[in-house]
C-alpha cells in the first residue's frame, strides 16, 4: 500500500529518456501517465483489470514511480513537495 503522505503532494518531477525533466502538477501528471499507458500494446498485468486509462494512471501514480514503455526504456515520476520561501 502506498504512503498516504504521497497523495497529499501536488507536484511530480517526470523523467522521459531524451527529454529534460519536467515539473508537473498532480492534475497534469495523470494525463501524462495516461498518454504513456495508451502507447503500450498491453497494459501491465497488475493494471489490466482496471476499467480505463484514467483508472490505470491513478493506480500507477499511487503505487509506482516507473513504467517501462519499451524494452529497456522507462519513464519515471517522483512526488515532490514544494515549500514556500522562508519569510525573513
N, C-alpha and C. Protein backbone atom coordinates (compact mmCIF):
# COMPACT_ATOMS: atom_id res chain seq x y z
N UNK A 1 0.85 -1.18 0.00
CA UNK A 1 0.00 0.00 0.00
C UNK A 1 0.89 1.24 0.00
N UNK A 2 0.49 2.25 -0.70
CA UNK A 2 1.29 3.46 -0.80
C UNK A 2 1.18 4.31 0.46
N UNK A 3 2.19 5.13 0.66
CA UNK A 3 2.22 6.04 1.79
C UNK A 3 1.17 7.12 1.60
N UNK A 4 0.26 7.33 2.56
CA UNK A 4 -0.79 8.34 2.39
C UNK A 4 -0.24 9.75 2.22
N UNK A 5 0.97 10.03 2.71
CA UNK A 5 1.54 11.36 2.53
C UNK A 5 1.80 11.66 1.06
N UNK A 6 2.10 10.64 0.26
CA UNK A 6 2.36 10.85 -1.16
C UNK A 6 1.13 11.47 -1.82
N UNK A 7 -0.06 11.03 -1.45
CA UNK A 7 -1.28 11.54 -2.07
C UNK A 7 -1.53 13.00 -1.73
N UNK A 8 -0.89 13.48 -0.68
CA UNK A 8 -1.05 14.89 -0.31
C UNK A 8 -0.16 15.80 -1.14
N UNK A 9 0.78 15.23 -1.87
CA UNK A 9 1.69 16.03 -2.67
C UNK A 9 1.03 16.42 -3.98
N UNK A 10 1.29 17.63 -4.40
CA UNK A 10 0.61 18.15 -5.57
C UNK A 10 1.49 18.27 -6.81
N UNK A 11 2.77 17.93 -6.69
CA UNK A 11 3.68 18.08 -7.82
C UNK A 11 4.55 16.84 -8.00
N UNK A 12 4.94 16.62 -9.25
CA UNK A 12 5.79 15.49 -9.60
C UNK A 12 6.86 15.94 -10.57
N UNK A 13 8.06 15.41 -10.37
CA UNK A 13 9.11 15.54 -11.37
C UNK A 13 8.94 14.33 -12.27
N UNK A 14 8.82 14.57 -13.58
CA UNK A 14 8.68 13.45 -14.53
C UNK A 14 9.91 13.42 -15.42
N UNK A 15 10.36 12.21 -15.67
CA UNK A 15 11.56 11.98 -16.47
C UNK A 15 11.23 11.09 -17.65
N UNK A 16 11.64 11.54 -18.82
CA UNK A 16 11.49 10.76 -20.05
C UNK A 16 12.84 10.72 -20.73
N UNK A 17 13.23 9.55 -21.26
CA UNK A 17 14.51 9.45 -21.94
C UNK A 17 14.61 10.49 -23.07
N UNK A 18 15.75 11.18 -23.12
CA UNK A 18 15.99 12.14 -24.19
C UNK A 18 15.31 13.48 -24.02
N UNK A 19 14.64 13.70 -22.90
CA UNK A 19 13.96 14.97 -22.66
C UNK A 19 14.40 15.53 -21.32
N UNK A 20 14.31 16.84 -21.18
CA UNK A 20 14.63 17.47 -19.90
C UNK A 20 13.56 17.11 -18.88
N UNK A 21 13.94 17.08 -17.62
CA UNK A 21 12.95 16.79 -16.57
C UNK A 21 11.91 17.90 -16.56
N UNK A 22 10.70 17.49 -16.17
CA UNK A 22 9.59 18.44 -16.11
C UNK A 22 9.01 18.41 -14.70
N UNK A 23 8.50 19.53 -14.26
CA UNK A 23 7.76 19.61 -13.01
C UNK A 23 6.30 19.77 -13.37
N UNK A 24 5.48 18.79 -13.00
CA UNK A 24 4.06 18.82 -13.33
C UNK A 24 3.22 18.81 -12.06
N UNK A 25 2.04 19.37 -12.15
CA UNK A 25 1.08 19.23 -11.05
C UNK A 25 0.54 17.81 -11.10
N UNK A 26 -0.07 17.38 -10.01
CA UNK A 26 -0.68 16.05 -9.98
C UNK A 26 -1.75 15.95 -11.08
N UNK A 27 -2.49 17.03 -11.29
CA UNK A 27 -3.54 17.03 -12.33
C UNK A 27 -2.94 16.85 -13.72
N UNK A 28 -1.73 17.37 -13.95
CA UNK A 28 -1.08 17.20 -15.25
C UNK A 28 -0.32 15.88 -15.36
N UNK A 29 0.07 15.31 -14.24
CA UNK A 29 0.80 14.05 -14.25
C UNK A 29 -0.10 12.90 -14.67
N UNK A 30 -1.36 12.94 -14.27
CA UNK A 30 -2.28 11.85 -14.64
C UNK A 30 -2.44 11.72 -16.17
N UNK A 31 -2.71 12.78 -16.91
CA UNK A 31 -2.80 12.63 -18.36
C UNK A 31 -1.45 12.25 -18.99
N UNK A 32 -0.35 12.68 -18.40
CA UNK A 32 0.98 12.30 -18.87
C UNK A 32 1.13 10.78 -18.76
N UNK A 33 0.72 10.21 -17.62
CA UNK A 33 0.77 8.76 -17.46
C UNK A 33 -0.21 8.06 -18.40
N UNK A 34 -1.41 8.60 -18.55
CA UNK A 34 -2.39 8.01 -19.47
C UNK A 34 -1.84 7.94 -20.89
N UNK A 35 -1.16 8.99 -21.30
CA UNK A 35 -0.56 9.03 -22.64
C UNK A 35 0.43 7.88 -22.81
N UNK A 36 1.29 7.69 -21.83
CA UNK A 36 2.29 6.63 -21.93
C UNK A 36 1.65 5.24 -21.85
N UNK A 37 0.63 5.10 -21.04
CA UNK A 37 -0.08 3.81 -20.97
C UNK A 37 -0.79 3.50 -22.29
N UNK A 38 -1.35 4.51 -22.92
CA UNK A 38 -2.09 4.31 -24.18
C UNK A 38 -1.17 3.85 -25.30
N UNK A 39 0.10 4.18 -25.21
CA UNK A 39 1.05 3.80 -26.24
C UNK A 39 1.51 2.35 -26.12
N UNK A 40 1.20 1.70 -25.00
CA UNK A 40 1.60 0.31 -24.79
C UNK A 40 0.67 -0.63 -25.56
N UNK A 41 1.21 -1.72 -26.04
CA UNK A 41 0.40 -2.74 -26.71
C UNK A 41 -0.59 -3.36 -25.72
N UNK A 42 -0.09 -3.64 -24.50
CA UNK A 42 -0.92 -4.19 -23.43
C UNK A 42 -0.56 -3.46 -22.14
N UNK A 43 -1.54 -3.22 -21.29
CA UNK A 43 -1.20 -2.59 -20.01
C UNK A 43 -0.44 -3.59 -19.13
N UNK A 44 0.31 -3.10 -18.16
CA UNK A 44 0.94 -4.01 -17.21
C UNK A 44 -0.11 -4.93 -16.58
N UNK A 45 0.29 -6.15 -16.28
CA UNK A 45 -0.65 -7.16 -15.78
C UNK A 45 -1.43 -6.70 -14.55
N UNK A 46 -0.78 -5.97 -13.65
CA UNK A 46 -1.47 -5.54 -12.43
C UNK A 46 -2.48 -4.42 -12.67
N UNK A 47 -2.47 -3.85 -13.88
CA UNK A 47 -3.42 -2.78 -14.21
C UNK A 47 -4.50 -3.23 -15.19
N UNK A 48 -4.32 -4.40 -15.78
CA UNK A 48 -5.21 -4.85 -16.85
C UNK A 48 -6.68 -4.93 -16.43
N UNK A 49 -6.95 -5.24 -15.20
CA UNK A 49 -8.34 -5.41 -14.75
C UNK A 49 -9.05 -4.07 -14.50
N UNK A 50 -8.29 -2.99 -14.47
CA UNK A 50 -8.91 -1.68 -14.22
C UNK A 50 -9.67 -1.23 -15.46
N UNK A 51 -10.74 -0.47 -15.28
CA UNK A 51 -11.66 -0.20 -16.38
C UNK A 51 -11.15 0.67 -17.53
N UNK A 52 -10.23 1.61 -17.24
CA UNK A 52 -9.81 2.51 -18.32
C UNK A 52 -8.46 3.13 -18.02
N UNK A 53 -7.98 3.93 -18.96
CA UNK A 53 -6.68 4.57 -18.83
C UNK A 53 -6.59 5.49 -17.63
N UNK A 54 -7.66 6.19 -17.32
CA UNK A 54 -7.65 7.10 -16.17
C UNK A 54 -7.45 6.34 -14.87
N UNK A 55 -8.16 5.23 -14.72
CA UNK A 55 -8.02 4.41 -13.51
C UNK A 55 -6.63 3.79 -13.42
N UNK A 56 -6.10 3.37 -14.56
CA UNK A 56 -4.75 2.80 -14.58
C UNK A 56 -3.71 3.84 -14.21
N UNK A 57 -3.85 5.04 -14.76
CA UNK A 57 -2.91 6.12 -14.45
C UNK A 57 -2.97 6.47 -12.96
N UNK A 58 -4.17 6.54 -12.42
CA UNK A 58 -4.33 6.85 -10.99
C UNK A 58 -3.66 5.79 -10.14
N UNK A 59 -3.87 4.53 -10.49
CA UNK A 59 -3.27 3.43 -9.72
C UNK A 59 -1.74 3.50 -9.79
N UNK A 60 -1.20 3.77 -10.99
CA UNK A 60 0.25 3.90 -11.14
C UNK A 60 0.78 5.05 -10.29
N UNK A 61 0.10 6.17 -10.33
CA UNK A 61 0.54 7.33 -9.58
C UNK A 61 0.62 7.02 -8.08
N UNK A 62 -0.30 6.21 -7.60
CA UNK A 62 -0.37 5.89 -6.18
C UNK A 62 0.56 4.76 -5.76
N UNK A 63 1.00 3.92 -6.70
CA UNK A 63 1.71 2.71 -6.30
C UNK A 63 3.08 2.51 -6.92
N UNK A 64 3.47 3.33 -7.87
CA UNK A 64 4.73 3.09 -8.57
C UNK A 64 5.42 4.41 -8.87
N UNK A 65 6.60 4.31 -9.47
CA UNK A 65 7.31 5.52 -9.89
C UNK A 65 8.02 5.30 -11.23
N UNK A 66 7.70 4.18 -11.89
CA UNK A 66 8.35 3.89 -13.17
C UNK A 66 7.42 3.03 -14.03
N UNK A 67 7.48 3.28 -15.33
CA UNK A 67 6.72 2.50 -16.30
C UNK A 67 7.63 2.21 -17.48
N UNK A 68 7.84 0.94 -17.76
CA UNK A 68 8.63 0.56 -18.92
C UNK A 68 7.77 0.73 -20.16
N UNK A 69 8.18 1.62 -21.06
CA UNK A 69 7.40 1.93 -22.24
C UNK A 69 7.84 1.13 -23.47
N UNK A 70 9.04 0.60 -23.40
CA UNK A 70 9.54 -0.35 -24.39
C UNK A 70 10.71 -1.06 -23.71
N UNK A 71 11.12 -2.20 -24.23
CA UNK A 71 12.18 -2.94 -23.54
C UNK A 71 13.42 -2.07 -23.28
N UNK A 72 13.76 -1.96 -22.00
CA UNK A 72 14.92 -1.18 -21.59
C UNK A 72 14.72 0.32 -21.53
N UNK A 73 13.52 0.81 -21.80
CA UNK A 73 13.24 2.25 -21.78
C UNK A 73 12.06 2.50 -20.84
N UNK A 74 12.26 3.40 -19.88
CA UNK A 74 11.21 3.66 -18.89
C UNK A 74 11.03 5.15 -18.69
N UNK A 75 9.83 5.52 -18.31
CA UNK A 75 9.55 6.87 -17.83
C UNK A 75 9.41 6.76 -16.31
N UNK A 76 9.74 7.85 -15.63
CA UNK A 76 9.68 7.85 -14.17
C UNK A 76 9.01 9.12 -13.68
N UNK A 77 8.45 9.04 -12.49
CA UNK A 77 7.83 10.20 -11.86
C UNK A 77 8.07 10.10 -10.36
N UNK A 78 8.32 11.24 -9.75
CA UNK A 78 8.62 11.28 -8.33
C UNK A 78 7.87 12.44 -7.70
N UNK A 79 7.15 12.14 -6.64
CA UNK A 79 6.42 13.17 -5.91
C UNK A 79 7.41 14.11 -5.24
N UNK A 80 7.13 15.39 -5.32
CA UNK A 80 7.96 16.39 -4.65
C UNK A 80 7.07 17.35 -3.90
N UNK A 81 7.62 17.87 -2.84
CA UNK A 81 6.89 18.86 -2.05
C UNK A 81 7.54 20.21 -2.31
N UNK A 82 6.75 21.14 -2.74
CA UNK A 82 7.26 22.49 -2.97
C UNK A 82 7.01 23.31 -1.71
N UNK A 83 8.08 23.77 -1.13
CA UNK A 83 7.99 24.55 0.10
C UNK A 83 7.93 26.02 -0.26
N UNK A 84 7.08 26.78 0.40
CA UNK A 84 7.08 28.22 0.16
C UNK A 84 8.40 28.82 0.67
N UNK A 85 8.83 29.92 0.08
CA UNK A 85 10.07 30.54 0.54
C UNK A 85 9.96 30.97 2.01
N UNK A 86 11.05 30.84 2.72
CA UNK A 86 11.07 31.22 4.14
C UNK A 86 10.93 32.74 4.26
N UNK A 87 10.16 33.15 5.22
CA UNK A 87 9.99 34.58 5.48
C UNK A 87 11.12 35.06 6.37
N UNK A 88 11.66 36.20 6.06
CA UNK A 88 12.78 36.74 6.86
C UNK A 88 12.27 37.62 7.97
